[in-house]
């Protein structure tokens, strides 16, 4: 798992305030209906202060990611 330093901020329900987010991303292989495989990148965002999970997003490897 790789770490990202982001400039995103979201409301943390644990801290009860707006907090900066720390992103982690991981790759996984997924089989397609035609028998091939595709790589899915999952980005999980956690509160930078208390490390509480905030949200996650998934992208295909070929799509454009905005970090």
N, C-alpha and C. Protein backbone atom coordinates (compact mmCIF):
# COMPACT_ATOMS: atom_id res chain seq x y z
N UNK A 1 0.86 -1.17 0.00
CA UNK A 1 0.00 0.00 0.00
C UNK A 1 0.90 1.23 0.00
N UNK A 2 0.54 2.20 -0.82
CA UNK A 2 1.31 3.42 -0.95
C UNK A 2 0.54 4.59 -0.34
N UNK A 3 1.28 5.57 0.14
CA UNK A 3 0.67 6.71 0.82
C UNK A 3 0.72 7.95 -0.07
N UNK A 4 -0.32 8.77 0.05
CA UNK A 4 -0.41 10.04 -0.67
C UNK A 4 -0.58 11.17 0.31
N UNK A 5 0.11 12.26 0.08
CA UNK A 5 -0.13 13.48 0.84
C UNK A 5 -1.08 14.32 0.00
N UNK A 6 -2.28 14.56 0.49
CA UNK A 6 -3.28 15.28 -0.29
C UNK A 6 -3.50 16.67 0.27
N UNK A 7 -4.17 17.49 -0.50
CA UNK A 7 -4.58 18.81 -0.05
C UNK A 7 -6.09 18.85 0.12
N UNK A 8 -6.67 17.68 0.38
CA UNK A 8 -8.11 17.57 0.57
C UNK A 8 -8.46 17.71 2.04
N UNK A 9 -9.63 18.25 2.29
CA UNK A 9 -10.14 18.36 3.66
C UNK A 9 -11.60 17.93 3.65
N UNK A 10 -11.98 17.18 4.65
CA UNK A 10 -13.37 16.71 4.82
C UNK A 10 -13.71 16.76 6.30
N UNK A 11 -14.99 16.69 6.58
CA UNK A 11 -15.46 16.66 7.96
C UNK A 11 -15.20 15.27 8.54
N UNK A 12 -14.52 15.20 9.67
CA UNK A 12 -14.25 13.94 10.37
C UNK A 12 -15.26 13.82 11.51
N UNK A 13 -16.06 12.75 11.47
CA UNK A 13 -17.06 12.57 12.52
C UNK A 13 -16.44 12.22 13.86
N UNK A 14 -15.26 11.67 13.85
CA UNK A 14 -14.59 11.35 15.11
C UNK A 14 -14.04 12.62 15.77
N UNK A 15 -13.38 13.46 14.98
CA UNK A 15 -12.81 14.72 15.50
C UNK A 15 -13.86 15.82 15.63
N UNK A 16 -14.97 15.68 14.93
CA UNK A 16 -16.05 16.67 14.92
C UNK A 16 -15.60 18.01 14.34
N UNK A 17 -14.72 17.95 13.32
CA UNK A 17 -14.25 19.17 12.66
C UNK A 17 -13.67 18.83 11.29
N UNK A 18 -13.41 19.87 10.51
CA UNK A 18 -12.76 19.68 9.21
C UNK A 18 -11.31 19.29 9.45
N UNK A 19 -10.86 18.28 8.73
CA UNK A 19 -9.48 17.80 8.89
C UNK A 19 -8.88 17.51 7.51
N UNK A 20 -7.57 17.63 7.40
CA UNK A 20 -6.86 17.22 6.20
C UNK A 20 -6.95 15.71 6.07
N UNK A 21 -6.90 15.23 4.83
CA UNK A 21 -6.98 13.79 4.58
C UNK A 21 -5.64 13.23 4.15
N UNK A 22 -5.40 12.00 4.54
CA UNK A 22 -4.24 11.24 4.09
C UNK A 22 -4.78 10.13 3.20
N UNK A 23 -4.21 9.97 2.01
CA UNK A 23 -4.69 8.96 1.08
C UNK A 23 -3.74 7.78 0.99
N UNK A 24 -4.30 6.60 0.88
CA UNK A 24 -3.55 5.37 0.63
C UNK A 24 -4.12 4.74 -0.62
N UNK A 25 -3.26 4.19 -1.48
CA UNK A 25 -3.80 3.53 -2.65
C UNK A 25 -3.23 2.13 -2.80
N UNK A 26 -4.05 1.26 -3.36
CA UNK A 26 -3.65 -0.12 -3.61
C UNK A 26 -4.21 -0.55 -4.96
N UNK A 27 -3.55 -1.52 -5.57
CA UNK A 27 -3.96 -2.05 -6.87
C UNK A 27 -4.49 -3.46 -6.69
N UNK A 28 -5.47 -3.82 -7.50
CA UNK A 28 -5.95 -5.21 -7.52
C UNK A 28 -6.36 -5.55 -8.94
N UNK A 29 -6.25 -6.82 -9.27
CA UNK A 29 -6.63 -7.33 -10.57
C UNK A 29 -8.07 -7.82 -10.51
N UNK A 30 -8.84 -7.51 -11.56
CA UNK A 30 -10.23 -7.95 -11.63
C UNK A 30 -10.45 -8.59 -12.99
N UNK A 31 -11.10 -9.76 -13.00
CA UNK A 31 -11.37 -10.44 -14.26
C UNK A 31 -12.57 -9.79 -14.94
N UNK A 32 -12.47 -9.66 -16.27
CA UNK A 32 -13.56 -9.10 -17.05
C UNK A 32 -14.41 -10.23 -17.61
N UNK A 33 -15.58 -9.89 -18.15
CA UNK A 33 -16.49 -10.91 -18.68
C UNK A 33 -15.92 -11.62 -19.90
N UNK A 34 -14.99 -10.98 -20.62
CA UNK A 34 -14.40 -11.62 -21.80
C UNK A 34 -13.15 -12.45 -21.47
N UNK A 35 -12.86 -12.64 -20.18
CA UNK A 35 -11.74 -13.47 -19.76
C UNK A 35 -10.44 -12.73 -19.52
N UNK A 36 -10.40 -11.45 -19.82
CA UNK A 36 -9.20 -10.65 -19.59
C UNK A 36 -9.15 -10.15 -18.15
N UNK A 37 -8.16 -9.35 -17.87
CA UNK A 37 -8.05 -8.74 -16.55
C UNK A 37 -7.87 -7.24 -16.70
N UNK A 38 -8.27 -6.53 -15.68
CA UNK A 38 -8.03 -5.09 -15.63
C UNK A 38 -7.56 -4.75 -14.23
N UNK A 39 -6.79 -3.68 -14.14
CA UNK A 39 -6.26 -3.25 -12.86
C UNK A 39 -7.15 -2.15 -12.29
N UNK A 40 -7.58 -2.34 -11.04
CA UNK A 40 -8.40 -1.37 -10.34
C UNK A 40 -7.54 -0.73 -9.24
N UNK A 41 -7.52 0.59 -9.20
CA UNK A 41 -6.80 1.33 -8.17
C UNK A 41 -7.82 1.84 -7.16
N UNK A 42 -7.64 1.48 -5.90
CA UNK A 42 -8.52 1.94 -4.83
C UNK A 42 -7.78 2.96 -3.99
N UNK A 43 -8.36 4.14 -3.84
CA UNK A 43 -7.78 5.20 -3.02
C UNK A 43 -8.66 5.34 -1.78
N UNK A 44 -8.08 5.12 -0.61
CA UNK A 44 -8.79 5.25 0.67
C UNK A 44 -8.29 6.50 1.37
N UNK A 45 -9.22 7.30 1.85
CA UNK A 45 -8.87 8.54 2.54
C UNK A 45 -9.17 8.43 4.03
N UNK A 46 -8.20 8.85 4.85
CA UNK A 46 -8.33 8.80 6.30
C UNK A 46 -8.01 10.18 6.88
N UNK A 47 -8.59 10.46 8.03
CA UNK A 47 -8.30 11.70 8.74
C UNK A 47 -6.82 11.73 9.11
N UNK A 48 -6.17 12.85 8.82
CA UNK A 48 -4.75 12.98 9.11
C UNK A 48 -4.48 13.04 10.62
N UNK A 49 -5.47 13.47 11.39
CA UNK A 49 -5.30 13.63 12.83
C UNK A 49 -5.55 12.32 13.59
N UNK A 50 -6.72 11.71 13.39
CA UNK A 50 -7.10 10.52 14.17
C UNK A 50 -7.06 9.23 13.36
N UNK A 51 -6.81 9.31 12.05
CA UNK A 51 -6.71 8.16 11.14
C UNK A 51 -8.04 7.44 10.93
N UNK A 52 -9.15 8.10 11.23
CA UNK A 52 -10.47 7.53 11.00
C UNK A 52 -10.73 7.45 9.49
N UNK A 53 -11.35 6.37 9.01
CA UNK A 53 -11.70 6.22 7.60
C UNK A 53 -12.75 7.26 7.23
N UNK A 54 -12.55 7.97 6.09
CA UNK A 54 -13.49 8.97 5.63
C UNK A 54 -14.24 8.47 4.39
N UNK A 55 -13.51 8.06 3.33
CA UNK A 55 -14.16 7.58 2.12
C UNK A 55 -13.13 6.86 1.24
N UNK A 56 -13.60 6.23 0.17
CA UNK A 56 -12.70 5.61 -0.79
C UNK A 56 -13.25 5.80 -2.19
N UNK A 57 -12.37 5.72 -3.18
CA UNK A 57 -12.73 5.85 -4.59
C UNK A 57 -11.99 4.78 -5.37
N UNK A 58 -12.60 4.29 -6.45
CA UNK A 58 -11.95 3.29 -7.30
C UNK A 58 -11.85 3.82 -8.72
N UNK A 59 -10.72 3.53 -9.36
CA UNK A 59 -10.45 3.94 -10.73
C UNK A 59 -9.87 2.76 -11.49
N UNK A 60 -10.10 2.72 -12.81
CA UNK A 60 -9.37 1.78 -13.65
C UNK A 60 -7.99 2.37 -13.89
N UNK A 61 -7.01 1.51 -14.09
CA UNK A 61 -5.63 1.98 -14.23
C UNK A 61 -5.47 2.93 -15.42
N UNK A 62 -6.22 2.74 -16.49
CA UNK A 62 -6.07 3.58 -17.68
C UNK A 62 -6.76 4.93 -17.57
N UNK A 63 -7.61 5.12 -16.56
CA UNK A 63 -8.31 6.39 -16.42
C UNK A 63 -7.38 7.45 -15.84
N UNK A 64 -7.72 8.70 -16.03
CA UNK A 64 -6.91 9.81 -15.53
C UNK A 64 -7.19 10.03 -14.04
N UNK A 65 -6.14 10.05 -13.25
CA UNK A 65 -6.26 10.31 -11.81
C UNK A 65 -5.79 11.73 -11.54
N UNK A 66 -6.51 12.42 -10.68
CA UNK A 66 -6.15 13.80 -10.32
C UNK A 66 -5.65 13.82 -8.90
N UNK A 67 -4.33 13.86 -8.70
CA UNK A 67 -3.75 13.92 -7.35
C UNK A 67 -3.05 15.22 -7.18
